[in-house]
């Protein structure tokens, strides 16, 4: 029997079971959604990659979505979406990809977040320069140090990724730290410092001055059409929350998904 016949039989059997359960007044269970493949298996399938390629996710056509760390043209990256739609998970997937694909002397990352507990499994990793709470004094020191390092770096050697998980805190920084951060947003990529910042859509209008500095934007689910228009110029309510993301490509949206990192987060 061929695969098509097998599939037809399975579908017919499932239809009969659902009809029987409905007749008995039983609500049929929704079939479980297949789990996403884990990051290690995805990376094993697409490697080797160029050393300058940063893994962001997988497009629906089966190709990886990559950022060239040696090309500053895209500039800093904004990750915007409604609350609890996977923005932190996208940052963590990028961090896991760095740990899997890049030597620590070539790429490292640091994290500024309002919720350090969400990053506890990343503490002490060789690629991790530190996890900082947004409102603490050492966060200002970190941004100052990165700006000084970038000033002296002519675009050679190591790349540093700064993950800002909660861009709404930008306005609470002191003026000098805001100045250093603004310089990093404008000049950092050409000096191998890349900023990835997440933003809840509820805070978008209050962050318009900062939003103008982000040419490249990644999106998760956004329910409100007006919020989506401010950020992307398009509706974003078709994305599956915490599973699907999109990137602007000219006038279109390139959808992509994230491999599972649950195994990594449990370590």
C-alpha atoms as a PDB file:
ATOM      1  CA  UNK A   1       0.000   0.000   0.000  1.00  0.00           C
ATOM      2  CA  UNK A   2       1.393   3.431  -0.907  1.00  0.00           C
ATOM      3  CA  UNK A   3       1.727   6.443   1.382  1.00  0.00           C
ATOM      4  CA  UNK A   4      -1.267   8.227  -0.178  1.00  0.00           C
ATOM      5  CA  UNK A   5      -3.568   5.284   0.541  1.00  0.00           C
ATOM      6  CA  UNK A   6      -2.269   5.060   4.114  1.00  0.00           C
ATOM      7  CA  UNK A   7      -2.976   8.743   4.634  1.00  0.00           C
ATOM      8  CA  UNK A   8      -6.502   8.427   3.214  1.00  0.00           C
ATOM      9  CA  UNK A   9      -7.265   5.547   5.580  1.00  0.00           C
ATOM     10  CA  UNK A  10      -5.939   7.493   8.570  1.00  0.00           C
ATOM     11  CA  UNK A  11      -8.024  10.560   7.701  1.00  0.00           C
ATOM     12  CA  UNK A  12     -11.150   8.460   7.188  1.00  0.00           C
ATOM     13  CA  UNK A  13     -10.619   6.739  10.536  1.00  0.00           C
ATOM     14  CA  UNK A  14     -10.110  10.065  12.298  1.00  0.00           C
ATOM     15  CA  UNK A  15     -13.299  11.457  10.723  1.00  0.00           C
ATOM     16  CA  UNK A  16     -15.292   8.432  11.910  1.00  0.00           C
ATOM     17  CA  UNK A  17     -13.949   8.778  15.471  1.00  0.00           C
ATOM     18  CA  UNK A  18     -14.845  12.478  15.590  1.00  0.00           C
ATOM     19  CA  UNK A  19     -18.355  11.775  14.314  1.00  0.00           C
ATOM     20  CA  UNK A  20     -18.852   8.997  16.883  1.00  0.00           C
ATOM     21  CA  UNK A  21     -17.659  11.226  19.737  1.00  0.00           C
ATOM     22  CA  UNK A  22     -19.931  14.053  18.627  1.00  0.00           C
ATOM     23  CA  UNK A  23     -22.878  11.628  18.589  1.00  0.00           C
ATOM     24  CA  UNK A  24     -22.049  10.648  22.181  1.00  0.00           C
ATOM     25  CA  UNK A  25     -21.844  14.304  23.212  1.00  0.00           C
ATOM     26  CA  UNK A  26     -18.073  14.103  23.716  1.00  0.00           C
ATOM     27  CA  UNK A  27     -15.933  17.027  22.583  1.00  0.00           C
ATOM     28  CA  UNK A  28     -13.135  15.530  20.456  1.00  0.00           C
ATOM     29  CA  UNK A  29      -9.630  16.465  21.513  1.00  0.00           C
ATOM     30  CA  UNK A  30      -7.650  18.750  19.220  1.00  0.00           C
ATOM     31  CA  UNK A  31      -4.692  16.806  17.785  1.00  0.00           C
ATOM     32  CA  UNK A  32      -1.393  17.899  19.327  1.00  0.00           C
ATOM     33  CA  UNK A  33       0.621  20.272  17.185  1.00  0.00           C
ATOM     34  CA  UNK A  34       3.978  18.811  16.102  1.00  0.00           C
ATOM     35  CA  UNK A  35       6.860  20.155  18.181  1.00  0.00           C
ATOM     36  CA  UNK A  36       9.349  22.423  16.476  1.00  0.00           C
ATOM     37  CA  UNK A  37      12.727  20.773  15.809  1.00  0.00           C
ATOM     38  CA  UNK A  38      15.370  21.733  18.350  1.00  0.00           C
ATOM     39  CA  UNK A  39      18.061  24.273  17.569  1.00  0.00           C
ATOM     40  CA  UNK A  40      20.919  21.767  17.508  1.00  0.00           C
ATOM     41  CA  UNK A  41      19.268  19.636  14.826  1.00  0.00           C
ATOM     42  CA  UNK A  42      18.387  22.695  12.718  1.00  0.00           C
ATOM     43  CA  UNK A  43      21.925  24.074  12.892  1.00  0.00           C
ATOM     44  CA  UNK A  44      23.395  20.666  12.056  1.00  0.00           C
ATOM     45  CA  UNK A  45      21.317  20.670   8.864  1.00  0.00           C
ATOM     46  CA  UNK A  46      22.309  24.162   7.666  1.00  0.00           C
ATOM     47  CA  UNK A  47      25.979  24.297   8.677  1.00  0.00           C
ATOM     48  CA  UNK A  48      28.660  25.121   7.817  1.00  0.00           C
ATOM     49  CA  UNK A  49      27.842  28.820   7.616  1.00  0.00           C
ATOM     50  CA  UNK A  50      30.216  31.751   7.024  1.00  0.00           C
ATOM     51  CA  UNK A  51      31.845  32.927  10.260  1.00  0.00           C
ATOM     52  CA  UNK A  52      30.156  36.324   9.937  1.00  0.00           C
ATOM     53  CA  UNK A  53      26.636  34.824   9.652  1.00  0.00           C
ATOM     54  CA  UNK A  54      24.430  35.307  12.728  1.00  0.00           C
ATOM     55  CA  UNK A  55      21.482  32.903  12.934  1.00  0.00           C
ATOM     56  CA  UNK A  56      18.078  34.544  13.511  1.00  0.00           C
ATOM     57  CA  UNK A  57      15.610  31.809  12.565  1.00  0.00           C
ATOM     58  CA  UNK A  58      14.246  29.675   9.725  1.00  0.00           C
ATOM     59  CA  UNK A  59      12.158  31.010   6.844  1.00  0.00           C
ATOM     60  CA  UNK A  60       9.121  29.057   5.693  1.00  0.00           C
ATOM     61  CA  UNK A  61      10.992  28.066   2.524  1.00  0.00           C
ATOM     62  CA  UNK A  62      13.483  26.090   4.634  1.00  0.00           C
ATOM     63  CA  UNK A  63      16.350  28.574   4.360  1.00  0.00           C
ATOM     64  CA  UNK A  64      17.988  30.198   7.394  1.00  0.00           C
ATOM     65  CA  UNK A  65      17.438  33.880   8.154  1.00  0.00           C
ATOM     66  CA  UNK A  66      20.911  35.331   8.722  1.00  0.00           C
ATOM     67  CA  UNK A  67      22.528  38.652   9.594  1.00  0.00           C
ATOM     68  CA  UNK A  68      25.964  39.480   8.203  1.00  0.00           C
ATOM     69  CA  UNK A  69      27.890  40.823  11.187  1.00  0.00           C
ATOM     70  CA  UNK A  70      30.506  42.356   8.888  1.00  0.00           C
ATOM     71  CA  UNK A  71      27.945  44.460   6.965  1.00  0.00           C
ATOM     72  CA  UNK A  72      26.763  47.471   9.016  1.00  0.00           C
ATOM     73  CA  UNK A  73      24.061  48.538   6.534  1.00  0.00           C
ATOM     74  CA  UNK A  74      21.084  46.920   8.361  1.00  0.00           C
ATOM     75  CA  UNK A  75      21.951  48.841  11.540  1.00  0.00           C
ATOM     76  CA  UNK A  76      20.550  47.936  14.978  1.00  0.00           C
ATOM     77  CA  UNK A  77      17.614  45.532  15.091  1.00  0.00           C
ATOM     78  CA  UNK A  78      14.251  46.202  16.717  1.00  0.00           C
ATOM     79  CA  UNK A  79      12.068  43.272  17.808  1.00  0.00           C
ATOM     80  CA  UNK A  80       8.521  44.569  18.307  1.00  0.00           C
ATOM     81  CA  UNK A  81       5.269  42.889  19.207  1.00  0.00           C
ATOM     82  CA  UNK A  82       2.555  42.514  21.798  1.00  0.00           C
ATOM     83  CA  UNK A  83       3.406  41.347  25.311  1.00  0.00           C
ATOM     84  CA  UNK A  84       4.197  37.613  25.682  1.00  0.00           C
ATOM     85  CA  UNK A  85       4.575  36.964  21.948  1.00  0.00           C
ATOM     86  CA  UNK A  86       8.097  35.518  21.962  1.00  0.00           C
ATOM     87  CA  UNK A  87      10.383  38.556  21.758  1.00  0.00           C
ATOM     88  CA  UNK A  88      12.626  37.405  24.626  1.00  0.00           C
ATOM     89  CA  UNK A  89      12.674  33.919  23.153  1.00  0.00           C
ATOM     90  CA  UNK A  90      13.973  35.335  19.867  1.00  0.00           C
ATOM     91  CA  UNK A  91      16.846  37.042  21.719  1.00  0.00           C
ATOM     92  CA  UNK A  92      17.600  33.818  23.576  1.00  0.00           C
ATOM     93  CA  UNK A  93      17.555  31.821  20.336  1.00  0.00           C
ATOM     94  CA  UNK A  94      20.110  34.224  18.852  1.00  0.00           C
ATOM     95  CA  UNK A  95      22.253  33.832  21.997  1.00  0.00           C
ATOM     96  CA  UNK A  96      22.051  30.034  21.761  1.00  0.00           C
ATOM     97  CA  UNK A  97      23.012  30.221  18.102  1.00  0.00           C
ATOM     98  CA  UNK A  98      26.071  32.282  19.025  1.00  0.00           C
ATOM     99  CA  UNK A  99      27.109  29.638  21.554  1.00  0.00           C
ATOM    100  CA  UNK A 100      26.703  26.879  18.948  1.00  0.00           C
ATOM    101  CA  UNK A 101      28.228  28.522  15.889  1.00  0.00           C
ATOM    102  CA  UNK A 102      30.825  31.099  16.934  1.00  0.00           C
ATOM    103  CA  UNK A 103      34.072  31.017  18.887  1.00  0.00           C
ATOM    104  CA  UNK A 104      33.895  33.320  21.945  1.00  0.00           C
ATOM    105  CA  UNK A 105      36.917  35.266  20.761  1.00  0.00           C
ATOM    106  CA  UNK A 106      34.902  36.209  17.655  1.00  0.00           C
ATOM    107  CA  UNK A 107      31.363  36.839  18.973  1.00  0.00           C
ATOM    108  CA  UNK A 108      30.118  37.568  22.481  1.00  0.00           C
ATOM    109  CA  UNK A 109      26.874  38.947  23.868  1.00  0.00           C
ATOM    110  CA  UNK A 110      25.597  40.813  26.912  1.00  0.00           C
ATOM    111  CA  UNK A 111      22.060  41.337  28.170  1.00  0.00           C
ATOM    112  CA  UNK A 112      20.267  44.321  29.683  1.00  0.00           C
ATOM    113  CA  UNK A 113      16.849  43.324  31.009  1.00  0.00           C
ATOM    114  CA  UNK A 114      14.172  44.200  33.524  1.00  0.00           C
ATOM    115  CA  UNK A 115      13.810  40.464  34.293  1.00  0.00           C
ATOM    116  CA  UNK A 116      17.246  38.850  34.840  1.00  0.00           C
ATOM    117  CA  UNK A 117      15.613  35.654  36.120  1.00  0.00           C
ATOM    118  CA  UNK A 118      14.452  34.889  32.568  1.00  0.00           C
ATOM    119  CA  UNK A 119      18.135  34.668  31.587  1.00  0.00           C
ATOM    120  CA  UNK A 120      19.426  32.630  34.521  1.00  0.00           C
ATOM    121  CA  UNK A 121      20.536  29.636  32.403  1.00  0.00           C
ATOM    122  CA  UNK A 122      22.832  31.962  30.424  1.00  0.00           C
ATOM    123  CA  UNK A 123      24.889  33.051  33.428  1.00  0.00           C
ATOM    124  CA  UNK A 124      28.514  31.962  33.304  1.00  0.00           C
ATOM    125  CA  UNK A 125      28.508  30.936  29.635  1.00  0.00           C
ATOM    126  CA  UNK A 126      31.773  31.541  27.840  1.00  0.00           C
ATOM    127  CA  UNK A 127      30.151  33.815  25.248  1.00  0.00           C
ATOM    128  CA  UNK A 128      28.254  35.855  27.843  1.00  0.00           C
ATOM    129  CA  UNK A 129      29.790  39.147  28.983  1.00  0.00           C
ATOM    130  CA  UNK A 130      27.152  39.639  31.663  1.00  0.00           C
ATOM    131  CA  UNK A 131      23.459  40.031  32.442  1.00  0.00           C
ATOM    132  CA  UNK A 132      22.514  43.461  33.755  1.00  0.00           C
ATOM    133  CA  UNK A 133      19.330  44.764  35.308  1.00  0.00           C
ATOM    134  CA  UNK A 134      18.103  47.841  33.484  1.00  0.00           C
ATOM    135  CA  UNK A 135      17.831  50.207  36.422  1.00  0.00           C
ATOM    136  CA  UNK A 136      21.158  49.366  38.083  1.00  0.00           C
ATOM    137  CA  UNK A 137      24.236  51.579  37.955  1.00  0.00           C
ATOM    138  CA  UNK A 138      26.434  48.949  36.336  1.00  0.00           C
ATOM    139  CA  UNK A 139      24.181  49.062  33.251  1.00  0.00           C
ATOM    140  CA  UNK A 140      25.324  52.640  32.592  1.00  0.00           C
ATOM    141  CA  UNK A 141      28.915  51.460  33.044  1.00  0.00           C
ATOM    142  CA  UNK A 142      28.349  48.657  30.530  1.00  0.00           C
ATOM    143  CA  UNK A 143      26.987  51.020  27.864  1.00  0.00           C
ATOM    144  CA  UNK A 144      29.835  53.461  28.487  1.00  0.00           C
ATOM    145  CA  UNK A 145      32.412  50.648  28.188  1.00  0.00           C
ATOM    146  CA  UNK A 146      30.860  49.387  24.939  1.00  0.00           C
ATOM    147  CA  UNK A 147      30.907  52.902  23.476  1.00  0.00           C
ATOM    148  CA  UNK A 148      34.580  53.339  24.429  1.00  0.00           C
ATOM    149  CA  UNK A 149      35.453  49.898  23.033  1.00  0.00           C
ATOM    150  CA  UNK A 150      33.606  50.666  19.788  1.00  0.00           C
ATOM    151  CA  UNK A 151      35.341  54.048  19.466  1.00  0.00           C
ATOM    152  CA  UNK A 152      38.687  52.241  19.488  1.00  0.00           C
ATOM    153  CA  UNK A 153      37.581  49.366  17.262  1.00  0.00           C
ATOM    154  CA  UNK A 154      37.981  50.091  13.547  1.00  0.00           C
ATOM    155  CA  UNK A 155      35.728  47.253  12.483  1.00  0.00           C
ATOM    156  CA  UNK A 156      38.158  44.404  12.974  1.00  0.00           C
ATOM    157  CA  UNK A 157      38.171  41.417  15.304  1.00  0.00           C
ATOM    158  CA  UNK A 158      35.479  40.510  17.801  1.00  0.00           C
ATOM    159  CA  UNK A 159      31.784  41.349  17.509  1.00  0.00           C
ATOM    160  CA  UNK A 160      29.675  42.189  20.560  1.00  0.00           C
ATOM    161  CA  UNK A 161      25.890  41.804  20.625  1.00  0.00           C
ATOM    162  CA  UNK A 162      23.964  43.919  23.135  1.00  0.00           C
ATOM    163  CA  UNK A 163      20.519  42.484  23.852  1.00  0.00           C
ATOM    164  CA  UNK A 164      18.227  45.118  25.383  1.00  0.00           C
ATOM    165  CA  UNK A 165      15.185  43.168  26.554  1.00  0.00           C
ATOM    166  CA  UNK A 166      12.745  46.015  27.182  1.00  0.00           C
ATOM    167  CA  UNK A 167      13.485  49.119  25.135  1.00  0.00           C
ATOM    168  CA  UNK A 168      10.882  51.126  27.069  1.00  0.00           C
ATOM    169  CA  UNK A 169      13.586  51.621  29.740  1.00  0.00           C
ATOM    170  CA  UNK A 170      15.648  53.813  27.367  1.00  0.00           C
ATOM    171  CA  UNK A 171      13.863  56.946  28.551  1.00  0.00           C
ATOM    172  CA  UNK A 172      14.780  56.202  32.185  1.00  0.00           C
ATOM    173  CA  UNK A 173      18.530  56.264  31.519  1.00  0.00           C
ATOM    174  CA  UNK A 174      20.559  59.297  32.545  1.00  0.00           C
ATOM    175  CA  UNK A 175      21.433  61.800  29.762  1.00  0.00           C
ATOM    176  CA  UNK A 176      25.061  60.665  29.372  1.00  0.00           C
ATOM    177  CA  UNK A 177      24.054  57.002  29.088  1.00  0.00           C
ATOM    178  CA  UNK A 178      21.369  57.932  26.547  1.00  0.00           C
ATOM    179  CA  UNK A 179      24.034  59.788  24.557  1.00  0.00           C
ATOM    180  CA  UNK A 180      26.346  56.740  24.596  1.00  0.00           C
ATOM    181  CA  UNK A 181      23.469  54.472  23.621  1.00  0.00           C
ATOM    182  CA  UNK A 182      22.442  56.749  20.774  1.00  0.00           C
ATOM    183  CA  UNK A 183      26.025  56.733  19.466  1.00  0.00           C
ATOM    184  CA  UNK A 184      26.085  52.923  19.603  1.00  0.00           C
ATOM    185  CA  UNK A 185      22.806  52.755  17.684  1.00  0.00           C
ATOM    186  CA  UNK A 186      24.166  55.074  14.992  1.00  0.00           C
ATOM    187  CA  UNK A 187      27.782  53.891  14.770  1.00  0.00           C
ATOM    188  CA  UNK A 188      27.960  50.576  16.589  1.00  0.00           C
ATOM    189  CA  UNK A 189      27.414  48.137  13.688  1.00  0.00           C
ATOM    190  CA  UNK A 190      30.316  49.634  11.719  1.00  0.00           C
ATOM    191  CA  UNK A 191      32.473  49.061  14.818  1.00  0.00           C
ATOM    192  CA  UNK A 192      31.152  45.507  15.384  1.00  0.00           C
ATOM    193  CA  UNK A 193      28.704  46.371  18.187  1.00  0.00           C
ATOM    194  CA  UNK A 194      25.163  45.275  17.343  1.00  0.00           C
ATOM    195  CA  UNK A 195      22.121  46.248  19.417  1.00  0.00           C
ATOM    196  CA  UNK A 196      18.993  44.081  19.451  1.00  0.00           C
ATOM    197  CA  UNK A 197      16.147  45.735  21.389  1.00  0.00           C
ATOM    198  CA  UNK A 198      12.684  44.397  22.194  1.00  0.00           C
ATOM    199  CA  UNK A 199       9.644  46.652  22.419  1.00  0.00           C
ATOM    200  CA  UNK A 200       6.095  45.980  23.597  1.00  0.00           C
ATOM    201  CA  UNK A 201       3.667  47.661  21.226  1.00  0.00           C
ATOM    202  CA  UNK A 202       1.928  49.457  24.110  1.00  0.00           C
ATOM    203  CA  UNK A 203       5.087  51.562  24.522  1.00  0.00           C
ATOM    204  CA  UNK A 204       5.710  52.292  20.831  1.00  0.00           C
ATOM    205  CA  UNK A 205       4.324  55.829  20.667  1.00  0.00           C
ATOM    206  CA  UNK A 206       6.364  56.863  23.708  1.00  0.00           C
ATOM    207  CA  UNK A 207       9.530  55.605  22.007  1.00  0.00           C
ATOM    208  CA  UNK A 208       9.158  57.274  18.595  1.00  0.00           C
ATOM    209  CA  UNK A 209      12.403  59.231  18.936  1.00  0.00           C
ATOM    210  CA  UNK A 210      14.329  55.980  19.500  1.00  0.00           C
ATOM    211  CA  UNK A 211      12.364  54.017  16.890  1.00  0.00           C
ATOM    212  CA  UNK A 212      13.716  56.271  14.141  1.00  0.00           C
ATOM    213  CA  UNK A 213      17.195  54.813  14.791  1.00  0.00           C
ATOM    214  CA  UNK A 214      16.100  51.261  13.889  1.00  0.00           C
ATOM    215  CA  UNK A 215      16.092  50.622  10.149  1.00  0.00           C
ATOM    216  CA  UNK A 216      15.742  46.855  10.514  1.00  0.00           C
ATOM    217  CA  UNK A 217      12.661  45.637  12.353  1.00  0.00           C
ATOM    218  CA  UNK A 218      11.503  42.148  13.266  1.00  0.00           C
ATOM    219  CA  UNK A 219       7.902  41.618  14.320  1.00  0.00           C
ATOM    220  CA  UNK A 220       5.926  39.184  16.409  1.00  0.00           C
ATOM    221  CA  UNK A 221       2.133  39.087  16.712  1.00  0.00           C
ATOM    222  CA  UNK A 222       0.428  42.508  17.028  1.00  0.00           C
ATOM    223  CA  UNK A 223      -3.331  42.455  17.525  1.00  0.00           C
ATOM    224  CA  UNK A 224      -4.080  46.170  17.224  1.00  0.00           C
ATOM    225  CA  UNK A 225      -4.026  47.331  13.588  1.00  0.00           C
ATOM    226  CA  UNK A 226      -3.048  50.895  14.532  1.00  0.00           C
ATOM    227  CA  UNK A 227      -0.047  49.712  16.552  1.00  0.00           C
ATOM    228  CA  UNK A 228       1.001  47.476  13.659  1.00  0.00           C
ATOM    229  CA  UNK A 229       0.743  50.377  11.220  1.00  0.00           C
ATOM    230  CA  UNK A 230       3.019  52.557  13.392  1.00  0.00           C
ATOM    231  CA  UNK A 231       5.679  49.836  13.526  1.00  0.00           C
ATOM    232  CA  UNK A 232       5.415  48.014  10.219  1.00  0.00           C
ATOM    233  CA  UNK A 233       2.936  49.799   8.008  1.00  0.00           C
ATOM    234  CA  UNK A 234       1.097  46.467   7.737  1.00  0.00           C
ATOM    235  CA  UNK A 235      -1.191  44.261   9.800  1.00  0.00           C
ATOM    236  CA  UNK A 236       0.633  41.723  11.978  1.00  0.00           C
ATOM    237  CA  UNK A 237      -2.286  39.825  13.481  1.00  0.00           C
ATOM    238  CA  UNK A 238      -1.760  36.891  11.099  1.00  0.00           C
ATOM    239  CA  UNK A 239       1.426  35.814  12.920  1.00  0.00           C
ATOM    240  CA  UNK A 240       1.102  32.968  15.413  1.00  0.00           C
ATOM    241  CA  UNK A 241       2.019  34.392  18.847  1.00  0.00           C
ATOM    242  CA  UNK A 242       5.388  33.168  20.203  1.00  0.00           C
ATOM    243  CA  UNK A 243       5.930  30.979  17.133  1.00  0.00           C
ATOM    244  CA  UNK A 244       6.047  33.137  14.006  1.00  0.00           C
ATOM    245  CA  UNK A 245       7.959  36.329  13.293  1.00  0.00           C
ATOM    246  CA  UNK A 246       8.315  38.551  10.268  1.00  0.00           C
ATOM    247  CA  UNK A 247      10.925  40.848   8.747  1.00  0.00           C
ATOM    248  CA  UNK A 248      10.348  43.653   6.267  1.00  0.00           C
ATOM    249  CA  UNK A 249      11.754  42.865   2.811  1.00  0.00           C
ATOM    250  CA  UNK A 250      11.083  45.849   0.557  1.00  0.00           C
ATOM    251  CA  UNK A 251       7.276  46.116   0.699  1.00  0.00           C
ATOM    252  CA  UNK A 252       6.738  42.521   1.800  1.00  0.00           C
ATOM    253  CA  UNK A 253       6.988  40.581   5.059  1.00  0.00           C
ATOM    254  CA  UNK A 254       9.315  37.581   5.233  1.00  0.00           C
ATOM    255  CA  UNK A 255       7.889  35.158   7.798  1.00  0.00           C
ATOM    256  CA  UNK A 256      10.192  32.946   9.863  1.00  0.00           C
ATOM    257  CA  UNK A 257      10.007  30.600  12.848  1.00  0.00           C
ATOM    258  CA  UNK A 258      12.259  29.660  15.758  1.00  0.00           C
ATOM    259  CA  UNK A 259      13.623  26.201  16.563  1.00  0.00           C
ATOM    260  CA  UNK A 260      12.998  24.914  20.069  1.00  0.00           C
ATOM    261  CA  UNK A 261      15.544  25.889  22.744  1.00  0.00           C
ATOM    262  CA  UNK A 262      13.720  24.249  25.660  1.00  0.00           C
ATOM    263  CA  UNK A 263      16.497  21.678  26.118  1.00  0.00           C
ATOM    264  CA  UNK A 264      19.061  24.479  26.361  1.00  0.00           C
ATOM    265  CA  UNK A 265      16.945  26.522  28.804  1.00  0.00           C
ATOM    266  CA  UNK A 266      16.571  23.551  31.146  1.00  0.00           C
ATOM    267  CA  UNK A 267      20.332  23.167  31.626  1.00  0.00           C
END
